Amino acid sequence: MKISPAFWPTPVLIVSFIAFQATGSLLLRVAGTKSNLQAFQFFVAANAFGFVGTIFLTFALRDRNPNIIYALCHGGGFCVLQLAAYFLFQIPLTVWQWIGIALVSVGVVCLQIRL
């Protein structure tokens, strides 16, 4: 029996989406610093990562509430992207931006709490 993304657990699909989307966005940042063929290569790679990430999102949406899946994927992706850009590209964040990342993170965690 083949294992396709449809059989992966939803948390794996969400984490995969976040990883691929963040990587694609970071590659777009790198593409912006390059020129000519190298910029185009990074642009193509970034879009390939984004496309694969979208496939993971599609499979994650199959069995769960779309409101929660979208919030987890895009909220988590936002936080990961901001932190990765901070650490990889030394892009400074203000205190308010750190507070915003923290609030989004707390919101994503609150979505996981089932009372």
PDB file of N, CA and C in Angstrom:
ATOM      1  N   MET A   1       0.843  -1.188   0.000  1.00  0.00           N
ATOM      2  CA  MET A   1       0.000   0.000   0.000  1.00  0.00           C
ATOM      3  C   MET A   1       0.881   1.241   0.000  1.00  0.00           C
ATOM      4  N   LYS A   2       0.612   2.131  -0.910  1.00  0.00           N
ATOM      5  CA  LYS A   2       1.372   3.373  -0.989  1.00  0.00           C
ATOM      6  C   LYS A   2       0.939   4.319   0.125  1.00  0.00           C
ATOM      7  N   ILE A   3       1.897   5.087   0.594  1.00  0.00           N
ATOM      8  CA  ILE A   3       1.580   6.105   1.599  1.00  0.00           C
ATOM      9  C   ILE A   3       1.563   7.440   0.888  1.00  0.00           C
ATOM     10  N   SER A   4       0.418   8.049   0.827  1.00  0.00           N
ATOM     11  CA  SER A   4       0.296   9.362   0.204  1.00  0.00           C
ATOM     12  C   SER A   4       0.020  10.393   1.293  1.00  0.00           C
ATOM     13  N   PRO A   5       0.166  11.682   0.977  1.00  0.00           N
ATOM     14  CA  PRO A   5      -0.095  12.713   1.985  1.00  0.00           C
ATOM     15  C   PRO A   5      -1.489  12.628   2.587  1.00  0.00           C
ATOM     16  N   ALA A   6      -2.430  12.019   1.883  1.00  0.00           N
ATOM     17  CA  ALA A   6      -3.785  11.912   2.424  1.00  0.00           C
ATOM     18  C   ALA A   6      -3.834  11.038   3.675  1.00  0.00           C
ATOM     19  N   PHE A   7      -2.854  10.168   3.852  1.00  0.00           N
ATOM     20  CA  PHE A   7      -2.833   9.271   5.002  1.00  0.00           C
ATOM     21  C   PHE A   7      -1.951   9.790   6.135  1.00  0.00           C
ATOM     22  N   TRP A   8      -1.276  10.913   5.915  1.00  0.00           N
ATOM     23  CA  TRP A   8      -0.435  11.477   6.962  1.00  0.00           C
ATOM     24  C   TRP A   8      -1.319  12.126   8.015  1.00  0.00           C
ATOM     25  N   PRO A   9      -0.871  12.125   9.268  1.00  0.00           N
ATOM     26  CA  PRO A   9      -1.658  12.805  10.317  1.00  0.00           C
ATOM     27  C   PRO A   9      -1.718  14.311  10.045  1.00  0.00           C
ATOM     28  N   THR A  10      -2.806  14.909  10.423  1.00  0.00           N
ATOM     29  CA  THR A  10      -3.003  16.340  10.171  1.00  0.00           C
ATOM     30  C   THR A  10      -1.882  17.209  10.734  1.00  0.00           C
ATOM     31  N   PRO A  11      -1.367  16.958  11.957  1.00  0.00           N
ATOM     32  CA  PRO A  11      -0.270  17.803  12.437  1.00  0.00           C
ATOM     33  C   PRO A  11       0.973  17.755  11.527  1.00  0.00           C
ATOM     34  N   VAL A  12       1.244  16.610  10.939  1.00  0.00           N
ATOM     35  CA  VAL A  12       2.389  16.503  10.015  1.00  0.00           C
ATOM     36  C   VAL A  12       2.135  17.352   8.776  1.00  0.00           C
ATOM     37  N   LEU A  13       0.902  17.330   8.292  1.00  0.00           N
ATOM     38  CA  LEU A  13       0.558  18.142   7.124  1.00  0.00           C
ATOM     39  C   LEU A  13       0.661  19.637   7.432  1.00  0.00           C
ATOM     40  N   ILE A  14       0.233  20.030   8.617  1.00  0.00           N
ATOM     41  CA  ILE A  14       0.296  21.445   9.005  1.00  0.00           C
ATOM     42  C   ILE A  14       1.744  21.897   9.131  1.00  0.00           C
ATOM     43  N   VAL A  15       2.560  21.108   9.809  1.00  0.00           N
ATOM     44  CA  VAL A  15       3.983  21.462   9.973  1.00  0.00           C
ATOM     45  C   VAL A  15       4.669  21.491   8.612  1.00  0.00           C
ATOM     46  N   SER A  16       4.328  20.563   7.742  1.00  0.00           N
ATOM     47  CA  SER A  16       4.917  20.546   6.399  1.00  0.00           C
ATOM     48  C   SER A  16       4.521  21.798   5.624  1.00  0.00           C
ATOM     49  N   PHE A  17       3.251  22.190   5.713  1.00  0.00           N
ATOM     50  CA  PHE A  17       2.817  23.417   5.052  1.00  0.00           C
ATOM     51  C   PHE A  17       3.618  24.610   5.555  1.00  0.00           C
ATOM     52  N   ILE A  18       3.724  24.730   6.865  1.00  0.00           N
ATOM     53  CA  ILE A  18       4.445  25.859   7.451  1.00  0.00           C
ATOM     54  C   ILE A  18       5.895  25.871   6.978  1.00  0.00           C
ATOM     55  N   ALA A  19       6.548  24.715   7.004  1.00  0.00           N
ATOM     56  CA  ALA A  19       7.952  24.633   6.599  1.00  0.00           C
ATOM     57  C   ALA A  19       8.132  25.017   5.130  1.00  0.00           C
ATOM     58  N   PHE A  20       7.282  24.495   4.267  1.00  0.00           N
ATOM     59  CA  PHE A  20       7.428  24.780   2.837  1.00  0.00           C
ATOM     60  C   PHE A  20       7.078  26.228   2.514  1.00  0.00           C
ATOM     61  N   GLN A  21       6.038  26.766   3.127  1.00  0.00           N
ATOM     62  CA  GLN A  21       5.669  28.154   2.873  1.00  0.00           C
ATOM     63  C   GLN A  21       6.739  29.122   3.378  1.00  0.00           C
ATOM     64  N   ALA A  22       7.247  28.875   4.571  1.00  0.00           N
ATOM     65  CA  ALA A  22       8.290  29.749   5.114  1.00  0.00           C
ATOM     66  C   ALA A  22       9.558  29.668   4.260  1.00  0.00           C
ATOM     67  N   THR A  23       9.918  28.463   3.854  1.00  0.00           N
ATOM     68  CA  THR A  23      11.101  28.304   3.009  1.00  0.00           C
ATOM     69  C   THR A  23      10.911  29.025   1.678  1.00  0.00           C
ATOM     70  N   GLY A  24       9.737  28.897   1.099  1.00  0.00           N
ATOM     71  CA  GLY A  24       9.463  29.604  -0.155  1.00  0.00           C
ATOM     72  C   GLY A  24       9.572  31.106  -0.001  1.00  0.00           C
ATOM     73  N   SER A  25       9.043  31.641   1.070  1.00  0.00           N
ATOM     74  CA  SER A  25       9.129  33.085   1.311  1.00  0.00           C
ATOM     75  C   SER A  25      10.563  33.532   1.545  1.00  0.00           C
ATOM     76  N   LEU A  26      11.318  32.734   2.278  1.00  0.00           N
ATOM     77  CA  LEU A  26      12.727  33.076   2.509  1.00  0.00           C
ATOM     78  C   LEU A  26      13.526  33.023   1.215  1.00  0.00           C
ATOM     79  N   LEU A  27      13.213  32.069   0.352  1.00  0.00           N
ATOM     80  CA  LEU A  27      13.895  31.996  -0.941  1.00  0.00           C
ATOM     81  C   LEU A  27      13.552  33.192  -1.817  1.00  0.00           C
ATOM     82  N   LEU A  28      12.343  33.711  -1.701  1.00  0.00           N
ATOM     83  CA  LEU A  28      11.999  34.935  -2.434  1.00  0.00           C
ATOM     84  C   LEU A  28      12.834  36.111  -1.953  1.00  0.00           C
ATOM     85  N   ARG A  29      13.084  36.159  -0.663  1.00  0.00           N
ATOM     86  CA  ARG A  29      13.950  37.216  -0.103  1.00  0.00           C
ATOM     87  C   ARG A  29      15.348  37.099  -0.685  1.00  0.00           C
ATOM     88  N   VAL A  30      15.864  35.871  -0.766  1.00  0.00           N
ATOM     89  CA  VAL A  30      17.192  35.646  -1.345  1.00  0.00           C
ATOM     90  C   VAL A  30      17.183  36.016  -2.821  1.00  0.00           C
ATOM     91  N   ALA A  31      16.118  35.656  -3.535  1.00  0.00           N
ATOM     92  CA  ALA A  31      16.028  35.990  -4.961  1.00  0.00           C
ATOM     93  C   ALA A  31      16.106  37.494  -5.181  1.00  0.00           C
ATOM     94  N   GLY A  32      15.555  38.255  -4.246  1.00  0.00           N
ATOM     95  CA  GLY A  32      15.601  39.706  -4.356  1.00  0.00           C
ATOM     96  C   GLY A  32      16.993  40.289  -4.211  1.00  0.00           C
ATOM     97  N   THR A  33      17.902  39.530  -3.650  1.00  0.00           N
ATOM     98  CA  THR A  33      19.277  40.025  -3.483  1.00  0.00           C
ATOM     99  C   THR A  33      20.204  39.570  -4.603  1.00  0.00           C
ATOM    100  N   LYS A  34      19.725  38.691  -5.467  1.00  0.00           N
ATOM    101  CA  LYS A  34      20.538  38.157  -6.566  1.00  0.00           C
ATOM    102  C   LYS A  34      20.190  38.881  -7.861  1.00  0.00           C
ATOM    103  N   SER A  35      20.923  38.548  -8.906  1.00  0.00           N
ATOM    104  CA  SER A  35      20.622  39.152 -10.197  1.00  0.00           C
ATOM    105  C   SER A  35      20.661  38.094 -11.290  1.00  0.00           C
ATOM    106  N   ASN A  36      20.020  38.431 -12.381  1.00  0.00           N
ATOM    107  CA  ASN A  36      20.000  37.612 -13.585  1.00  0.00           C
ATOM    108  C   ASN A  36      19.511  36.190 -13.350  1.00  0.00           C
ATOM    109  N   LEU A  37      20.283  35.206 -13.821  1.00  0.00           N
ATOM    110  CA  LEU A  37      19.863  33.811 -13.779  1.00  0.00           C
ATOM    111  C   LEU A  37      19.724  33.304 -12.349  1.00  0.00           C
ATOM    112  N   GLN A  38      20.612  33.740 -11.475  1.00  0.00           N
ATOM    113  CA  GLN A  38      20.537  33.274 -10.082  1.00  0.00           C
ATOM    114  C   GLN A  38      19.240  33.725  -9.417  1.00  0.00           C
ATOM    115  N   ALA A  39      18.828  34.941  -9.690  1.00  0.00           N
ATOM    116  CA  ALA A  39      17.565  35.439  -9.134  1.00  0.00           C
ATOM    117  C   ALA A  39      16.401  34.609  -9.660  1.00  0.00           C
ATOM    118  N   PHE A  40      16.426  34.298 -10.948  1.00  0.00           N
ATOM    119  CA  PHE A  40      15.363  33.497 -11.538  1.00  0.00           C
ATOM    120  C   PHE A  40      15.329  32.098 -10.933  1.00  0.00           C
ATOM    121  N   GLN A  41      16.495  31.500 -10.706  1.00  0.00           N
ATOM    122  CA  GLN A  41      16.554  30.162 -10.118  1.00  0.00           C
ATOM    123  C   GLN A  41      15.969  30.148  -8.707  1.00  0.00           C
ATOM    124  N   PHE A  42      16.322  31.148  -7.905  1.00  0.00           N
ATOM    125  CA  PHE A  42      15.753  31.231  -6.558  1.00  0.00           C
ATOM    126  C   PHE A  42      14.248  31.496  -6.616  1.00  0.00           C
ATOM    127  N   PHE A  43      13.822  32.296  -7.586  1.00  0.00           N
ATOM    128  CA  PHE A  43      12.394  32.573  -7.750  1.00  0.00           C
ATOM    129  C   PHE A  43      11.632  31.296  -8.085  1.00  0.00           C
ATOM    130  N   VAL A  44      12.158  30.500  -9.002  1.00  0.00           N
ATOM    131  CA  VAL A  44      11.510  29.241  -9.380  1.00  0.00           C
ATOM    132  C   VAL A  44      11.477  28.291  -8.180  1.00  0.00           C
ATOM    133  N   ALA A  45      12.592  28.184  -7.457  1.00  0.00           N
ATOM    134  CA  ALA A  45      12.638  27.308  -6.283  1.00  0.00           C
ATOM    135  C   ALA A  45      11.627  27.763  -5.230  1.00  0.00           C
ATOM    136  N   ALA A  46      11.525  29.064  -5.008  1.00  0.00           N
ATOM    137  CA  ALA A  46      10.586  29.598  -4.020  1.00  0.00           C
ATOM    138  C   ALA A  46       9.156  29.240  -4.392  1.00  0.00           C
ATOM    139  N   ASN A  47       8.818  29.374  -5.649  1.00  0.00           N
ATOM    140  CA  ASN A  47       7.459  29.048  -6.083  1.00  0.00           C
ATOM    141  C   ASN A  47       7.198  27.555  -6.029  1.00  0.00           C
ATOM    142  N   ALA A  48       8.202  26.746  -6.270  1.00  0.00           N
ATOM    143  CA  ALA A  48       8.036  25.296  -6.146  1.00  0.00           C
ATOM    144  C   ALA A  48       7.754  24.922  -4.694  1.00  0.00           C
ATOM    145  N   PHE A  49       8.494  25.520  -3.754  1.00  0.00           N
ATOM    146  CA  PHE A  49       8.246  25.259  -2.328  1.00  0.00           C
ATOM    147  C   PHE A  49       6.846  25.710  -1.941  1.00  0.00           C
ATOM    148  N   GLY A  50       6.433  26.883  -2.415  1.00  0.00           N
ATOM    149  CA  GLY A  50       5.098  27.380  -2.108  1.00  0.00           C
ATOM    150  C   GLY A  50       4.009  26.478  -2.662  1.00  0.00           C
ATOM    151  N   PHE A  51       4.220  25.962  -3.869  1.00  0.00           N
ATOM    152  CA  PHE A  51       3.242  25.066  -4.477  1.00  0.00           C
ATOM    153  C   PHE A  51       3.110  23.765  -3.681  1.00  0.00           C
ATOM    154  N   VAL A  52       4.232  23.183  -3.297  1.00  0.00           N
ATOM    155  CA  VAL A  52       4.196  21.947  -2.508  1.00  0.00           C
ATOM    156  C   VAL A  52       3.521  22.209  -1.161  1.00  0.00           C
ATOM    157  N   GLY A  53       3.807  23.357  -0.560  1.00  0.00           N
ATOM    158  CA  GLY A  53       3.146  23.715   0.695  1.00  0.00           C
ATOM    159  C   GLY A  53       1.645  23.772   0.548  1.00  0.00           C
ATOM    160  N   THR A  54       1.176  24.299  -0.572  1.00  0.00           N
ATOM    161  CA  THR A  54      -0.256  24.378  -0.823  1.00  0.00           C
ATOM    162  C   THR A  54      -0.880  22.988  -0.946  1.00  0.00           C
ATOM    163  N   ILE A  55      -0.132  22.052  -1.479  1.00  0.00           N
ATOM    164  CA  ILE A  55      -0.622  20.674  -1.560  1.00  0.00           C
ATOM    165  C   ILE A  55      -0.822  20.105  -0.150  1.00  0.00           C
ATOM    166  N   PHE A  56       0.141  20.373   0.742  1.00  0.00           N
ATOM    167  CA  PHE A  56      -0.010  19.911   2.123  1.00  0.00           C
ATOM    168  C   PHE A  56      -1.235  20.543   2.774  1.00  0.00           C
ATOM    169  N   LEU A  57      -1.465  21.816   2.513  1.00  0.00           N
ATOM    170  CA  LEU A  57      -2.646  22.489   3.065  1.00  0.00           C
ATOM    171  C   LEU A  57      -3.928  21.842   2.551  1.00  0.00           C
ATOM    172  N   THR A  58      -3.950  21.522   1.278  1.00  0.00           N
ATOM    173  CA  THR A  58      -5.122  20.883   0.687  1.00  0.00           C
ATOM    174  C   THR A  58      -5.450  19.572   1.393  1.00  0.00           C
ATOM    175  N   PHE A  59      -4.429  18.750   1.640  1.00  0.00           N
ATOM    176  CA  PHE A  59      -4.662  17.481   2.323  1.00  0.00           C
ATOM    177  C   PHE A  59      -5.051  17.693   3.786  1.00  0.00           C
ATOM    178  N   ALA A  60      -4.502  18.708   4.426  1.00  0.00           N
ATOM    179  CA  ALA A  60      -4.852  18.984   5.824  1.00  0.00           C
ATOM    180  C   ALA A  60      -6.320  19.399   5.946  1.00  0.00           C
ATOM    181  N   LEU A  61      -6.842  20.032   4.931  1.00  0.00           N
ATOM    182  CA  LEU A  61      -8.223  20.511   4.969  1.00  0.00           C
ATOM    183  C   LEU A  61      -9.249  19.405   4.750  1.00  0.00           C
ATOM    184  N   ARG A  62      -8.819  18.242   4.345  1.00  0.00           N
ATOM    185  CA  ARG A  62      -9.756  17.164   3.996  1.00  0.00           C
ATOM    186  C   ARG A  62     -10.610  16.700   5.170  1.00  0.00           C
ATOM    187  N   ASP A  63     -10.015  16.554   6.334  1.00  0.00           N
ATOM    188  CA  ASP A  63     -10.726  15.903   7.437  1.00  0.00           C
ATOM    189  C   ASP A  63     -10.991  16.806   8.631  1.00  0.00           C
ATOM    190  N   ARG A  64     -10.587  18.026   8.595  1.00  0.00           N
ATOM    191  CA  ARG A  64     -10.703  18.884   9.772  1.00  0.00           C
ATOM    192  C   ARG A  64     -11.477  20.159   9.445  1.00  0.00           C
ATOM    193  N   ASN A  65     -11.792  20.902  10.508  1.00  0.00           N
ATOM    194  CA  ASN A  65     -12.474  22.181  10.379  1.00  0.00           C
ATOM    195  C   ASN A  65     -11.563  23.172   9.648  1.00  0.00           C
ATOM    196  N   PRO A  66     -11.996  23.703   8.507  1.00  0.00           N
ATOM    197  CA  PRO A  66     -11.132  24.595   7.748  1.00  0.00           C
ATOM    198  C   PRO A  66     -10.751  25.869   8.501  1.00  0.00           C
ATOM    199  N   ASN A  67     -11.639  26.370   9.352  1.00  0.00           N
ATOM    200  CA  ASN A  67     -11.299  27.582  10.099  1.00  0.00           C
ATOM    201  C   ASN A  67     -10.066  27.368  10.969  1.00  0.00           C
ATOM    202  N   ILE A  68     -10.010  26.232  11.626  1.00  0.00           N
ATOM    203  CA  ILE A  68      -8.877  25.940  12.500  1.00  0.00           C
ATOM    204  C   ILE A  68      -7.628  25.651  11.683  1.00  0.00           C
ATOM    205  N   ILE A  69      -7.769  24.875  10.619  1.00  0.00           N
ATOM    206  CA  ILE A  69      -6.610  24.529   9.796  1.00  0.00           C
ATOM    207  C   ILE A  69      -5.990  25.786   9.187  1.00  0.00           C
ATOM    208  N   TYR A  70      -6.821  26.670   8.626  1.00  0.00           N
ATOM    209  CA  TYR A  70      -6.285  27.913   8.056  1.00  0.00           C
ATOM    210  C   TYR A  70      -5.576  28.750   9.118  1.00  0.00           C
ATOM    211  N   ALA A  71      -6.181  28.864  10.283  1.00  0.00           N
ATOM    212  CA  ALA A  71      -5.563  29.669  11.349  1.00  0.00           C
ATOM    213  C   ALA A  71      -4.234  29.072  11.794  1.00  0.00           C
ATOM    214  N   LEU A  72      -4.199  27.758  11.969  1.00  0.00           N
ATOM    215  CA  LEU A  72      -2.956  27.110  12.390  1.00  0.00           C
ATOM    216  C   LEU A  72      -1.874  27.246  11.321  1.00  0.00           C
ATOM    217  N   CYS A  73      -2.246  27.007  10.089  1.00  0.00           N
ATOM    218  CA  CYS A  73      -1.257  27.057   9.010  1.00  0.00           C
ATOM    219  C   CYS A  73      -0.732  28.470   8.783  1.00  0.00           C
ATOM    220  N   HIS A  74      -1.624  29.412   8.627  1.00  0.00           N
ATOM    221  CA  HIS A  74      -1.173  30.758   8.299  1.00  0.00           C
ATOM    222  C   HIS A  74      -0.635  31.508   9.518  1.00  0.00           C
ATOM    223  N   GLY A  75      -1.233  31.292  10.673  1.00  0.00           N
ATOM    224  CA  GLY A  75      -0.695  31.907  11.890  1.00  0.00           C
ATOM    225  C   GLY A  75       0.658  31.334  12.251  1.00  0.00           C
ATOM    226  N   GLY A  76       0.760  30.002  12.209  1.00  0.00           N
ATOM    227  CA  GLY A  76       2.046  29.361  12.475  1.00  0.00           C
ATOM    228  C   GLY A  76       3.088  29.738  11.444  1.00  0.00           C
ATOM    229  N   GLY A  77       2.666  29.797  10.183  1.00  0.00           N
ATOM    230  CA  GLY A  77       3.588  30.192   9.116  1.00  0.00           C
ATOM    231  C   GLY A  77       4.101  31.611   9.295  1.00  0.00           C
ATOM    232  N   PHE A  78       3.220  32.510   9.713  1.00  0.00           N
ATOM    233  CA  PHE A  78       3.622  33.891   9.962  1.00  0.00           C
ATOM    234  C   PHE A  78       4.697  33.954  11.047  1.00  0.00           C
ATOM    235  N   CYS A  79       4.457  33.264  12.149  1.00  0.00           N
ATOM    236  CA  CYS A  79       5.412  33.291  13.263  1.00  0.00           C
ATOM    237  C   CYS A  79       6.761  32.693  12.861  1.00  0.00           C
ATOM    238  N   VAL A  80       6.720  31.555  12.200  1.00  0.00           N
ATOM    239  CA  VAL A  80       7.963  30.897  11.771  1.00  0.00           C
ATOM    240  C   VAL A  80       8.712  31.779  10.785  1.00  0.00           C
ATOM    241  N   LEU A  81       8.001  32.390   9.848  1.00  0.00           N
ATOM    242  CA  LEU A  81       8.656  33.255   8.864  1.00  0.00           C
ATOM    243  C   LEU A  81       9.313  34.465   9.526  1.00  0.00           C
ATOM    244  N   GLN A  82       8.621  35.091  10.458  1.00  0.00           N
ATOM    245  CA  GLN A  82       9.197  36.259  11.128  1.00  0.00           C
ATOM    246  C   GLN A  82      10.450  35.891  11.916  1.00  0.00           C
ATOM    247  N   LEU A  83      10.383  34.788  12.631  1.00  0.00           N
ATOM    248  CA  LEU A  83      11.542  34.361  13.419  1.00  0.00           C
ATOM    249  C   LEU A  83      12.695  33.918  12.524  1.00  0.00           C
ATOM    250  N   ALA A  84      12.392  33.221  11.444  1.00  0.00           N
ATOM    251  CA  ALA A  84      13.447  32.788  10.525  1.00  0.00           C
ATOM    252  C   ALA A  84      14.114  33.986   9.864  1.00  0.00           C
ATOM    253  N   ALA A  85      13.322  34.970   9.458  1.00  0.00           N
ATOM    254  CA  ALA A  85      13.900  36.174   8.848  1.00  0.00           C
ATOM    255  C   ALA A  85      14.774  36.926   9.852  1.00  0.00           C
ATOM    256  N   TYR A  86      14.337  36.958  11.091  1.00  0.00           N
ATOM    257  CA  TYR A  86      15.125  37.613  12.136  1.00  0.00           C
ATOM    258  C   TYR A  86      16.478  36.924  12.315  1.00  0.00           C
ATOM    259  N   PHE A  87      16.455  35.592  12.401  1.00  0.00           N
ATOM    260  CA  PHE A  87      17.695  34.864  12.666  1.00  0.00           C
ATOM    261  C   PHE A  87      18.575  34.710  11.425  1.00  0.00           C
ATOM    262  N   LEU A  88      17.979  34.502  10.260  1.00  0.00           N
ATOM    263  CA  LEU A  88      18.783  34.273   9.058  1.00  0.00           C
ATOM    264  C   LEU A  88      19.276  35.550   8.402  1.00  0.00           C
ATOM    265  N   PHE A  89      18.436  36.581   8.368  1.00  0.00           N
ATOM    266  CA  PHE A  89      18.776  37.807   7.652  1.00  0.00           C
ATOM    267  C   PHE A  89      19.042  38.992   8.568  1.00  0.00           C
ATOM    268  N   GLN A  90      18.991  38.747   9.878  1.00  0.00           N
ATOM    269  CA  GLN A  90      19.228  39.800  10.865  1.00  0.00           C
ATOM    270  C   GLN A  90      18.301  40.998  10.654  1.00  0.00           C
ATOM    271  N   ILE A  91      17.061  40.721  10.292  1.00  0.00           N
ATOM    272  CA  ILE A  91      16.068  41.774  10.129  1.00  0.00           C
ATOM    273  C   ILE A  91      15.561  42.141  11.525  1.00  0.00           C
ATOM    274  N   PRO A  92      15.789  43.383  11.953  1.00  0.00           N
ATOM    275  CA  PRO A  92      15.413  43.759  13.315  1.00  0.00           C
ATOM    276  C   PRO A  92      13.895  43.802  13.505  1.00  0.00           C
ATOM    277  N   LEU A  93      13.473  43.437  14.699  1.00  0.00           N
ATOM    278  CA  LEU A  93      12.062  43.500  15.067  1.00  0.00           C
ATOM    279  C   LEU A  93      11.911  44.444  16.256  1.00  0.00           C
ATOM    280  N   THR A  94      10.880  45.278  16.202  1.00  0.00           N
ATOM    281  CA  THR A  94      10.628  46.180  17.318  1.00  0.00           C
ATOM    282  C   THR A  94       9.947  45.406  18.446  1.00  0.00           C
ATOM    283  N   VAL A  95       9.843  46.054  19.583  1.00  0.00           N
ATOM    284  CA  VAL A  95       9.160  45.435  20.720  1.00  0.00           C
ATOM    285  C   VAL A  95       7.725  45.092  20.342  1.00  0.00           C
ATOM    286  N   TRP A  96       7.041  45.979  19.628  1.00  0.00           N
ATOM    287  CA  TRP A  96       5.655  45.730  19.236  1.00  0.00           C
ATOM    288  C   TRP A  96       5.552  44.558  18.272  1.00  0.00           C
ATOM    289  N   GLN A  97       6.544  44.408  17.410  1.00  0.00           N
ATOM    290  CA  GLN A  97       6.535  43.264  16.496  1.00  0.00           C
ATOM    291  C   GLN A  97       6.736  41.956  17.263  1.00  0.00           C
ATOM    292  N   TRP A  98       7.612  41.960  18.269  1.00  0.00           N
ATOM    293  CA  TRP A  98       7.792  40.766  19.106  1.00  0.00           C
ATOM    294  C   TRP A  98       6.498  40.440  19.842  1.00  0.00           C
ATOM    295  N   ILE A  99       5.823  41.474  20.335  1.00  0.00           N
ATOM    296  CA  ILE A  99       4.541  41.260  21.020  1.00  0.00           C
ATOM    297  C   ILE A  99       3.523  40.675  20.045  1.00  0.00           C
ATOM    298  N   GLY A 100       3.497  41.172  18.820  1.00  0.00           N
ATOM    299  CA  GLY A 100       2.582  40.643  17.808  1.00  0.00           C
ATOM    300  C   GLY A 100       2.854  39.175  17.509  1.00  0.00           C
ATOM    301  N   ILE A 101       4.119  38.803  17.376  1.00  0.00           N
ATOM    302  CA  ILE A 101       4.479  37.400  17.137  1.00  0.00           C
ATOM    303  C   ILE A 101       4.035  36.544  18.314  1.00  0.00           C
ATOM    304  N   ALA A 102       4.255  37.048  19.519  1.00  0.00           N
ATOM    305  CA  ALA A 102       3.854  36.297  20.713  1.00  0.00           C
ATOM    306  C   ALA A 102       2.335  36.121  20.767  1.00  0.00           C
ATOM    307  N   LEU A 103       1.594  37.175  20.450  1.00  0.00           N
ATOM    308  CA  LEU A 103       0.135  37.088  20.491  1.00  0.00           C
ATOM    309  C   LEU A 103      -0.398  36.116  19.440  1.00  0.00           C
ATOM    310  N   VAL A 104       0.172  36.156  18.250  1.00  0.00           N
ATOM    311  CA  VAL A 104      -0.249  35.203  17.217  1.00  0.00           C
ATOM    312  C   VAL A 104       0.068  33.781  17.664  1.00  0.00           C
ATOM    313  N   SER A 105       1.239  33.597  18.262  1.00  0.00           N
ATOM    314  CA  SER A 105       1.620  32.268  18.753  1.00  0.00           C
ATOM    315  C   SER A 105       0.652  31.774  19.821  1.00  0.00           C
ATOM    316  N   VAL A 106       0.308  32.655  20.750  1.00  0.00           N
ATOM    317  CA  VAL A 106      -0.644  32.281  21.802  1.00  0.00           C
ATOM    318  C   VAL A 106      -2.000  31.954  21.183  1.00  0.00           C
ATOM    319  N   GLY A 107      -2.421  32.723  20.195  1.00  0.00           N
ATOM    320  CA  GLY A 107      -3.684  32.451  19.520  1.00  0.00           C
ATOM    321  C   GLY A 107      -3.689  31.095  18.838  1.00  0.00           C
ATOM    322  N   VAL A 108      -2.578  30.738  18.201  1.00  0.00           N
ATOM    323  CA  VAL A 108      -2.480  29.437  17.540  1.00  0.00           C
ATOM    324  C   VAL A 108      -2.541  28.318  18.579  1.00  0.00           C
ATOM    325  N   VAL A 109      -1.883  28.513  19.717  1.00  0.00           N
ATOM    326  CA  VAL A 109      -1.921  27.498  20.783  1.00  0.00           C
ATOM    327  C   VAL A 109      -3.344  27.388  21.344  1.00  0.00           C
ATOM    328  N   CYS A 110      -4.024  28.521  21.518  1.00  0.00           N
ATOM    329  CA  CYS A 110      -5.389  28.492  22.054  1.00  0.00           C
ATOM    330  C   CYS A 110      -6.346  27.728  21.133  1.00  0.00           C
ATOM    331  N   LEU A 111      -6.080  27.743  19.841  1.00  0.00           N
ATOM    332  CA  LEU A 111      -6.930  26.989  18.911  1.00  0.00           C
ATOM    333  C   LEU A 111      -6.832  25.483  19.146  1.00  0.00           C
ATOM    334  N   GLN A 112      -5.724  25.054  19.720  1.00  0.00           N
ATOM    335  CA  GLN A 112      -5.518  23.632  19.960  1.00  0.00           C
ATOM    336  C   GLN A 112      -6.173  23.147  21.249  1.00  0.00           C
ATOM    337  N   ILE A 113      -6.534  24.075  22.112  1.00  0.00           N
ATOM    338  CA  ILE A 113      -7.146  23.709  23.394  1.00  0.00           C
ATOM    339  C   ILE A 113      -8.606  23.364  23.172  1.00  0.00           C
ATOM    340  N   ARG A 114      -8.956  22.170  23.559  1.00  0.00           N
ATOM    341  CA  ARG A 114     -10.349  21.735  23.418  1.00  0.00           C
ATOM    342  C   ARG A 114     -10.915  21.523  24.809  1.00  0.00           C
ATOM    343  N   LEU A 115     -11.803  22.381  25.201  1.00  0.00           N
ATOM    344  CA  LEU A 115     -12.437  22.273  26.524  1.00  0.00           C
ATOM    345  C   LEU A 115     -13.814  21.673  26.419  1.00  0.00           C
TER     346      LEU A 115
END
